[in-house]
Amino acid sequence: MSVGVDDEQDAAGWIDALALEAHPAGGFFRQYYRAPFPGAAERPLITVIYYLLTRERPRAGLHRLTADSLYFHHAGGTLRIVSVGAAGDLCEARLGPPDGFQAEVAGGRWKGLELVSGPWALISEAVVPGWTPADHEVADRSLQATVTPALWAELAPFVGGGA
C-alpha cells in the first residue's frame, strides 16, 4: 500500500496518512485487513494492523494471544520485541535497521514492544489466525508473582499500560 509519505516524514505525518488512533497499550494503530475464516464467522483467518511507536508513546504493553504474530518493519527506527514463554524463557528480537525487517512471536507467549532508536518506528503486525477480543490477555502486576525477580526487572516496564 502506497501512502505518499517517505521515510523522512515525521510521526504525525504517518498518523495522519494512515489514519492511526492511539492504542490503549501504547503507540498508535489501525487494523487495515481482516479476512474471514471460511465457515467460522467468529474468528478471522488473519488480521493485520499498522502500528507506530514514538518517543512520547514508546512501548506496547505486555500482552499475549493464542495466535501467532508476524511483524514487518516499514520505516523509522528500531523496535525491541520481548517475549516470554510459560517456562519463563525470555526472547528478544530487534525489528528495523540494521537488525532485521521481520520477526515472529508464537502464540501463548507474553510479548511487548519498545522503541529503541529513532523518534518513531512504523511496523505491521499480522495475527494468524486473526485477532479476536477473546484471544487477547493484558498482563498486570500479578504476573510478578509468577516470574523470577530478574525476569520481572525486564518485564516491569511493559506492565501497567503503554507509555
Protein backbone atom coordinates (compact mmCIF):
# COMPACT_ATOMS: atom_id res chain seq x y z
CA MET A 1 0.00 0.00 0.00
CA SER A 2 1.49 3.31 -1.05
CA VAL A 3 0.56 6.18 1.25
CA GLY A 4 2.54 9.00 -0.36
CA VAL A 5 4.78 9.50 2.67
CA ASP A 6 8.54 8.94 2.57
CA ASP A 7 10.90 7.75 5.32
CA GLU A 8 11.71 11.33 6.32
CA GLN A 9 8.09 12.05 7.27
CA ASP A 10 7.53 12.64 10.97
CA ALA A 11 5.27 10.52 13.18
CA ALA A 12 2.36 12.97 12.88
CA GLY A 13 2.52 12.59 9.11
CA TRP A 14 2.29 8.81 9.37
CA ILE A 15 -0.54 9.04 11.89
CA ASP A 16 -2.50 11.28 9.51
CA ALA A 17 -1.63 9.40 6.30
CA LEU A 18 -2.58 6.01 7.75
CA ALA A 19 -5.49 7.26 9.92
CA LEU A 20 -3.91 5.78 13.06
CA GLU A 21 -5.50 6.10 16.51
CA ALA A 22 -3.96 5.95 19.98
CA HIS A 23 -3.80 2.36 21.22
CA PRO A 24 -4.66 1.74 24.91
CA ALA A 25 -1.48 -0.37 25.31
CA GLY A 26 0.74 2.36 23.83
CA GLY A 27 1.59 3.67 20.40
CA PHE A 28 -0.84 4.19 17.54
CA PHE A 29 -2.60 1.67 15.31
CA ARG A 30 -5.26 0.85 12.74
CA GLN A 31 -6.48 -2.51 11.56
CA TYR A 32 -6.32 -2.45 7.79
CA TYR A 33 -7.00 -6.04 6.82
CA ARG A 34 -9.32 -8.73 8.14
CA ALA A 35 -10.01 -11.91 6.16
CA PRO A 36 -12.95 -14.10 7.09
CA PHE A 37 -12.19 -17.67 8.13
CA PRO A 38 -14.13 -19.98 5.80
CA GLY A 39 -17.03 -21.46 7.73
CA ALA A 40 -16.12 -19.81 11.05
CA ALA A 41 -17.69 -16.38 11.39
CA GLU A 42 -16.44 -15.86 14.98
CA ARG A 43 -12.72 -15.78 14.06
CA PRO A 44 -10.99 -14.22 11.04
CA LEU A 45 -8.36 -16.14 9.11
CA ILE A 46 -5.88 -13.26 9.50
CA THR A 47 -5.87 -9.69 10.81
CA VAL A 48 -3.23 -7.08 10.02
CA ILE A 49 -2.62 -3.76 11.73
CA TYR A 50 -0.30 -0.82 11.24
CA TYR A 51 1.47 0.01 14.50
CA LEU A 52 3.54 3.12 15.23
CA LEU A 53 5.61 3.75 18.35
CA THR A 54 7.01 7.21 19.14
CA ARG A 55 9.29 8.73 21.76
CA GLU A 56 6.17 10.03 23.50
CA ARG A 57 4.47 6.59 23.33
CA PRO A 58 7.48 4.23 23.13
CA ARG A 59 6.02 0.94 24.37
CA ALA A 60 3.29 -1.55 23.63
CA GLY A 61 2.29 -3.14 26.93
CA LEU A 62 2.85 -6.79 27.72
CA HIS A 63 0.07 -8.97 26.34
CA ARG A 64 -0.46 -12.40 24.85
CA LEU A 65 -2.58 -14.02 22.21
CA THR A 66 -3.27 -17.65 21.49
CA ALA A 67 -2.44 -16.93 17.82
CA ASP A 68 0.96 -16.33 16.24
CA SER A 69 2.08 -12.80 15.37
CA LEU A 70 4.28 -11.78 12.45
CA TYR A 71 5.90 -8.33 12.47
CA PHE A 72 7.13 -6.34 9.46
CA HIS A 73 9.18 -3.13 9.71
CA HIS A 74 8.22 -0.39 7.24
CA ALA A 75 10.04 2.80 8.23
CA GLY A 76 11.78 4.67 11.01
CA GLY A 77 13.88 3.45 13.91
CA THR A 78 14.35 0.11 15.58
CA LEU A 79 11.97 -1.71 17.93
CA ARG A 80 12.78 -4.36 20.50
CA ILE A 81 10.27 -7.18 20.84
CA VAL A 82 10.47 -9.07 24.13
CA SER A 83 8.56 -12.30 24.64
CA VAL A 84 8.29 -14.80 27.47
CA GLY A 85 7.05 -18.37 27.35
CA ALA A 86 5.27 -20.33 30.08
CA ALA A 87 8.62 -21.69 31.31
CA GLY A 88 9.97 -18.16 31.82
CA ASP A 89 12.25 -18.20 28.77
CA LEU A 90 12.92 -14.62 27.66
CA CYS A 91 13.47 -13.98 23.95
CA GLU A 92 14.32 -10.70 22.29
CA ALA A 93 14.19 -9.64 18.64
CA ARG A 94 15.15 -6.35 17.04
CA LEU A 95 12.98 -5.07 14.25
CA GLY A 96 14.38 -2.36 12.00
CA PRO A 97 17.71 -1.15 10.78
CA PRO A 98 20.27 -2.63 10.95
CA ASP A 99 18.95 -5.76 12.67
CA GLY A 100 16.11 -7.15 10.58
CA PHE A 101 12.81 -6.35 9.00
CA GLN A 102 10.58 -9.18 10.10
CA ALA A 103 10.09 -11.19 13.28
CA GLU A 104 7.60 -13.62 14.75
CA VAL A 105 6.23 -14.39 18.20
CA ALA A 106 4.48 -17.69 18.77
CA GLY A 107 1.02 -17.73 20.25
CA GLY A 108 0.81 -18.18 24.02
CA ARG A 109 3.89 -16.03 24.78
CA TRP A 110 3.73 -12.73 26.66
CA LYS A 111 5.06 -10.01 24.37
CA GLY A 112 5.81 -6.31 24.45
CA LEU A 113 7.37 -3.83 22.04
CA GLU A 114 9.67 -0.90 22.73
CA LEU A 115 11.19 1.84 20.56
CA VAL A 116 14.99 1.66 20.98
CA SER A 117 16.27 4.01 18.27
CA GLY A 118 14.88 6.89 16.29
CA PRO A 119 12.00 9.21 17.09
CA TRP A 120 9.43 6.69 15.77
CA ALA A 121 9.06 3.31 14.03
CA LEU A 122 6.26 2.01 11.79
CA ILE A 123 5.50 -1.70 11.56
CA SER A 124 2.70 -4.04 10.61
CA GLU A 125 1.55 -6.97 12.72
CA ALA A 126 -0.25 -9.92 11.15
CA VAL A 127 -2.06 -12.26 13.55
CA VAL A 128 -2.79 -15.80 12.30
CA PRO A 129 -5.45 -16.97 12.87
CA GLY A 130 -6.85 -13.48 13.20
CA TRP A 131 -7.18 -11.41 16.35
CA THR A 132 -10.33 -11.58 18.47
CA PRO A 133 -11.00 -9.93 21.85
CA ALA A 134 -11.37 -13.36 23.50
CA ASP A 135 -7.86 -14.24 22.27
CA HIS A 136 -6.23 -11.24 23.96
CA GLU A 137 -4.90 -11.05 27.55
CA VAL A 138 -3.17 -7.99 29.03
CA ALA A 139 -0.55 -8.50 31.75
CA ASP A 140 -0.96 -6.82 35.12
CA ARG A 141 1.20 -6.67 38.24
CA SER A 142 0.03 -10.12 39.35
CA LEU A 143 2.46 -11.52 36.76
CA GLN A 144 5.30 -10.53 39.12
CA ALA A 145 4.42 -13.40 41.47
CA THR A 146 4.90 -15.94 38.65
CA VAL A 147 8.36 -14.94 37.40
CA THR A 148 11.87 -14.58 38.84
CA PRO A 149 12.99 -11.16 40.12
CA ALA A 150 15.45 -10.85 37.23
CA LEU A 151 12.75 -11.58 34.67
CA TRP A 152 10.36 -9.16 36.37
CA ALA A 153 13.00 -6.42 36.07
CA GLU A 154 12.89 -6.93 32.27
CA LEU A 155 9.10 -7.10 32.07
CA ALA A 156 8.01 -4.42 34.57
CA PRO A 157 8.37 -1.51 32.10
CA PHE A 158 5.83 -3.26 29.85
CA VAL A 159 3.20 -3.79 32.57
CA GLY A 160 0.60 -1.27 33.62
CA GLY A 161 -0.17 0.32 30.26
CA GLY A 162 1.96 1.71 27.50
CA ALA A 163 3.91 4.88 27.79
